[in-house]
Amino acid sequence: MVTRLTTRDARAAGLISFFFLISLSHPGEAFPASDKAAAMLLVKDALTVPGQSTTIEARLATVGPWTTRGIGGEPIELLVGDKVVATGMTGGDGRVFLSYRSNAQGVLPIRVRVGKSSRVLPVEGRANLVVWEQRNPLVAVELAALMEQPPAPPPAPLIGAALDPERKPMPNAAEELAKLTRFSYRVIYVVLLSSSGADGFRAANQTREWLNAHQFPPGYVLVSPPGGGALEEKLDDLRAGGWKTLKIGIGRSTAFVEAFLNRRLQAVMVPEPFGEPPPKARVAKDWKEVRKKM
């Protein structure tokens, strides 16, 4: 008995054979890309010295305007230039730690991307690997001191939101910081999170984008939990790591300025506060005056 295939049956058989061959040649990719989930990959800056290994921290998470969920079990690659220099796997919270050592100095752009995955669409994140000699003088600058204040108090931020990308920079801030870097200063940009629930990875990413958009000199973005006490701990960690040339901070908030003064470091407040500044704080009415106060 001979079974005759209809045209419809033949087409179906052909499609089955096609997907079977695809599954053999591309294991894990037999499903169309539309079945994969969109994700975001955010990376924090890393600070180190030439020739010393450091850890780059990244987080792979679901895409969402408010809260995000980490995606575990995904392969991650670290790229310097176009070369993969380290690989790792995300944990249950979506975080991954990648080690790398560079002999080159400066603020080096790095990329982190999802490797071959059957669940997540291709995505990459960017950050800076900051490689400085520890003898270079450092200056810490609070992000809030670089931004004009909005005319009215902003609405309560969304959970995880860090800053409004439309905020304008303070007049002359980028130019004056560029002059400081010409005098061999290296800049640490400090972001004080607005709440304990804010997303530090997102804050770092948004800060870098804002600084680049307004042509601020390259530097290291340091994200700190809210409050001066948390920033004091960050300052202690930097000093313990050998970064002892950080002796001055330029900030707007009382929490930032007091953190430096409490660690017996110099602090410049810009612009002039509405109330009384903390004792021993130096005050500059605008960025044109900052260098005179240092």
Foldseek 3Di string as FASTA:
>chain_A
DDDDDDPVRVVVVVVVVVLVVVCVVDPLASDDPVQAAEWAKFWAEAEEAAFDKTKTKIFIWHDDDFDTATDWQFKKFKDFPNDTDWIFTAHRRRMDITMDHHRDAAWGKMKMWTDDHSHYDTYMYIDTHHYDDLVFAEEEEEPVLQFDDDPDDDPDDGQQDQDDLPTDTFPCQQVLQVVVVVVRYAYEYEGEGPAPRHDQRVNNRSSVVSCVVNNHDDHHYHYFYHFLVRVLVVVVVCVVVSNPSHAEYEYADLSPQVSNVVVVGAYEHPQDDPDDHPPRHHHHNGSVCVVVRD
